[in-house]
C-alpha atoms as a PDB file:
ATOM      1  CA  MET A   1     -23.787 -75.180  60.342  1.00  0.00           C
ATOM      2  CA  ASP A   2     -24.433 -78.823  59.876  1.00  0.00           C
ATOM      3  CA  SER A   3     -24.247 -81.512  62.424  1.00  0.00           C
ATOM      4  CA  PHE A   4     -20.723 -82.719  61.298  1.00  0.00           C
ATOM      5  CA  SER A   5     -19.244 -79.453  62.274  1.00  0.00           C
ATOM      6  CA  LEU A   6     -21.123 -79.516  65.719  1.00  0.00           C
ATOM      7  CA  THR A   7     -19.524 -82.853  66.312  1.00  0.00           C
ATOM      8  CA  TYR A   8     -16.227 -81.451  65.292  1.00  0.00           C
ATOM      9  CA  VAL A   9     -16.683 -78.447  67.860  1.00  0.00           C
ATOM     10  CA  ALA A  10     -17.798 -80.905  70.598  1.00  0.00           C
ATOM     11  CA  LEU A  11     -14.808 -83.059  70.095  1.00  0.00           C
ATOM     12  CA  MET A  12     -12.323 -80.224  69.913  1.00  0.00           C
ATOM     13  CA  GLY A  13     -13.663 -78.842  73.084  1.00  0.00           C
ATOM     14  CA  LEU A  14     -13.436 -82.332  74.807  1.00  0.00           C
ATOM     15  CA  TYR A  15      -9.772 -82.794  73.697  1.00  0.00           C
ATOM     16  CA  ILE A  16      -8.809 -79.301  74.770  1.00  0.00           C
ATOM     17  CA  THR A  17     -10.384 -79.452  78.122  1.00  0.00           C
ATOM     18  CA  PHE A  18      -8.904 -82.952  78.490  1.00  0.00           C
ATOM     19  CA  ILE A  19      -5.544 -81.337  78.037  1.00  0.00           C
ATOM     20  CA  VAL A  20      -6.166 -78.582  80.421  1.00  0.00           C
ATOM     21  CA  ALA A  21      -7.570 -80.890  83.047  1.00  0.00           C
ATOM     22  CA  ILE A  22      -4.429 -82.946  83.026  1.00  0.00           C
ATOM     23  CA  HIS A  23      -2.166 -79.984  83.594  1.00  0.00           C
ATOM     24  CA  SER A  24      -4.332 -78.199  86.221  1.00  0.00           C
ATOM     25  CA  ARG A  25      -4.394 -80.543  89.041  1.00  0.00           C
ATOM     26  CA  THR A  26      -2.123 -78.356  91.340  1.00  0.00           C
ATOM     27  CA  VAL A  27      -4.533 -75.287  91.395  1.00  0.00           C
ATOM     28  CA  THR A  28      -7.674 -76.329  93.211  1.00  0.00           C
ATOM     29  CA  GLY A  29     -10.182 -73.795  91.544  1.00  0.00           C
ATOM     30  CA  LEU A  30      -8.880 -74.405  88.074  1.00  0.00           C
ATOM     31  CA  CYS A  31      -9.059 -78.175  88.614  1.00  0.00           C
ATOM     32  CA  ALA A  32     -12.621 -78.014  89.469  1.00  0.00           C
ATOM     33  CA  LEU A  33     -13.595 -75.620  86.648  1.00  0.00           C
ATOM     34  CA  SER A  34     -11.567 -77.666  84.053  1.00  0.00           C
ATOM     35  CA  ALA A  35     -13.244 -80.889  85.342  1.00  0.00           C
ATOM     36  CA  ALA A  36     -16.665 -79.489  85.059  1.00  0.00           C
ATOM     37  CA  VAL A  37     -16.104 -78.100  81.555  1.00  0.00           C
ATOM     38  CA  LEU A  38     -14.677 -81.755  80.744  1.00  0.00           C
ATOM     39  CA  GLN A  39     -17.905 -83.334  82.039  1.00  0.00           C
ATOM     40  CA  TYR A  40     -19.943 -80.790  80.055  1.00  0.00           C
ATOM     41  CA  PHE A  41     -18.024 -81.481  76.746  1.00  0.00           C
ATOM     42  CA  PHE A  42     -18.231 -85.289  77.234  1.00  0.00           C
ATOM     43  CA  LEU A  43     -21.919 -85.098  77.665  1.00  0.00           C
ATOM     44  CA  VAL A  44     -22.350 -82.917  74.720  1.00  0.00           C
ATOM     45  CA  THR A  45     -20.176 -85.012  72.537  1.00  0.00           C
ATOM     46  CA  PHE A  46     -22.286 -88.121  73.514  1.00  0.00           C
ATOM     47  CA  LEU A  47     -25.518 -86.347  72.821  1.00  0.00           C
ATOM     48  CA  VAL A  48     -24.504 -84.958  69.637  1.00  0.00           C
ATOM     49  CA  MET A  49     -23.269 -88.392  68.475  1.00  0.00           C
ATOM     50  CA  ALA A  50     -26.557 -89.909  69.567  1.00  0.00           C
ATOM     51  CA  ALA A  51     -28.441 -87.273  67.610  1.00  0.00           C
ATOM     52  CA  GLU A  52     -26.524 -88.131  64.594  1.00  0.00           C
ATOM     53  CA  ALA A  53     -27.300 -91.738  65.064  1.00  0.00           C
ATOM     54  CA  ILE A  54     -30.896 -91.120  65.307  1.00  0.00           C
ATOM     55  CA  ASN A  55     -30.648 -88.876  62.186  1.00  0.00           C
ATOM     56  CA  LEU A  56     -28.932 -91.459  60.257  1.00  0.00           C
ATOM     57  CA  TYR A  57     -31.478 -94.100  61.394  1.00  0.00           C
ATOM     58  CA  MET A  58     -34.365 -91.779  60.253  1.00  0.00           C
ATOM     59  CA  LYS A  59     -32.782 -91.226  56.780  1.00  0.00           C
ATOM     60  CA  LEU A  60     -31.740 -94.829  56.023  1.00  0.00           C
ATOM     61  CA  VAL A  61     -34.046 -97.117  57.716  1.00  0.00           C
ATOM     62  CA  ILE A  62     -37.189 -95.058  57.978  1.00  0.00           C
ATOM     63  CA  VAL A  63     -37.155 -93.851  54.402  1.00  0.00           C
ATOM     64  CA  LEU A  64     -40.887 -93.300  53.802  1.00  0.00           C
ATOM     65  CA  GLY A  65     -41.701 -92.607  57.359  1.00  0.00           C
ATOM     66  CA  ALA A  66     -42.623 -89.448  59.075  1.00  0.00           C
ATOM     67  CA  ASN A  67     -39.969 -86.573  58.827  1.00  0.00           C
ATOM     68  CA  ILE A  68     -39.373 -84.491  61.994  1.00  0.00           C
ATOM     69  CA  PRO A  69     -39.243 -80.811  60.826  1.00  0.00           C
ATOM     70  CA  HIS A  70     -36.032 -78.967  61.782  1.00  0.00           C
ATOM     71  CA  PHE A  71     -34.500 -82.054  63.463  1.00  0.00           C
ATOM     72  CA  VAL A  72     -30.965 -80.941  63.529  1.00  0.00           C
ATOM     73  CA  LEU A  73     -31.939 -77.572  65.120  1.00  0.00           C
ATOM     74  CA  LYS A  74     -33.816 -79.387  67.825  1.00  0.00           C
ATOM     75  CA  ALA A  75     -31.062 -81.953  68.440  1.00  0.00           C
ATOM     76  CA  THR A  76     -28.527 -79.326  68.535  1.00  0.00           C
ATOM     77  CA  ILE A  77     -30.451 -77.199  71.172  1.00  0.00           C
ATOM     78  CA  ILE A  78     -31.018 -80.385  73.354  1.00  0.00           C
ATOM     79  CA  SER A  79     -27.378 -81.623  72.920  1.00  0.00           C
ATOM     80  CA  TRP A  80     -25.911 -78.358  74.008  1.00  0.00           C
ATOM     81  CA  LEU A  81     -28.191 -77.140  76.764  1.00  0.00           C
ATOM     82  CA  THR A  82     -29.103 -80.469  78.560  1.00  0.00           C
ATOM     83  CA  PRO A  83     -25.611 -80.944  79.867  1.00  0.00           C
ATOM     84  CA  ILE A  84     -25.495 -77.644  81.601  1.00  0.00           C
ATOM     85  CA  PHE A  85     -28.165 -78.668  84.066  1.00  0.00           C
ATOM     86  CA  ILE A  86     -26.492 -81.977  84.540  1.00  0.00           C
ATOM     87  CA  VAL A  87     -23.122 -80.383  85.289  1.00  0.00           C
ATOM     88  CA  LEU A  88     -24.708 -77.805  87.575  1.00  0.00           C
ATOM     89  CA  PHE A  89     -26.585 -80.638  89.401  1.00  0.00           C
ATOM     90  CA  CYS A  90     -23.491 -82.422  90.134  1.00  0.00           C
ATOM     91  CA  PHE A  91     -21.124 -79.396  90.688  1.00  0.00           C
ATOM     92  CA  ALA A  92     -23.302 -77.337  92.964  1.00  0.00           C
ATOM     93  CA  PRO A  93     -23.346 -79.469  96.099  1.00  0.00           C
ATOM     94  CA  ASN A  94     -19.626 -79.388  96.440  1.00  0.00           C
ATOM     95  CA  TYR A  95     -17.059 -78.652  93.905  1.00  0.00           C
ATOM     96  CA  LYS A  96     -14.374 -80.602  95.894  1.00  0.00           C
ATOM     97  CA  ASN A  97     -15.827 -83.712  94.294  1.00  0.00           C
ATOM     98  CA  TYR A  98     -13.992 -82.686  91.061  1.00  0.00           C
ATOM     99  CA  VAL A  99     -10.613 -82.174  92.611  1.00  0.00           C
ATOM    100  CA  SER A 100      -7.934 -84.925  92.953  1.00  0.00           C
ATOM    101  CA  ASP A 101      -4.232 -85.158  93.124  1.00  0.00           C
ATOM    102  CA  HIS A 102      -4.013 -87.484  89.982  1.00  0.00           C
ATOM    103  CA  PHE A 103      -6.649 -86.018  87.696  1.00  0.00           C
ATOM    104  CA  CYS A 104      -9.275 -83.426  87.602  1.00  0.00           C
ATOM    105  CA  ARG A 105     -12.658 -85.084  86.928  1.00  0.00           C
ATOM    106  CA  ALA A 106     -16.003 -85.918  88.899  1.00  0.00           C
ATOM    107  CA  PHE A 107     -15.461 -88.398  91.675  1.00  0.00           C
ATOM    108  CA  ASN A 108     -18.121 -88.477  94.182  1.00  0.00           C
ATOM    109  CA  ILE A 109     -21.076 -86.821  92.331  1.00  0.00           C
ATOM    110  CA  PRO A 110     -24.686 -87.275  93.699  1.00  0.00           C
END
């Protein structure tokens, strides 16, 4: 699996959870869950795109420089696992910070 398909998976997850978050504002539990998943996929998409930018920089600008072995694997692990801890840190104190009448997203996070 290359970095392009990982970006595709992250973006598709973001789009799908965005649609679910729009339609789930009436159910409190589903709204909080969809908002947490939305925040997770947003962070994953951001980190995967940042990893792709770093990879392009290393390939195009630093042509003769040091090569990081297994860079895509390391970037994938960091990009998909780091947002779990960020979302749990924000979601754990009070899940009602993710619930609103207008849209399901994080509002008053620590």
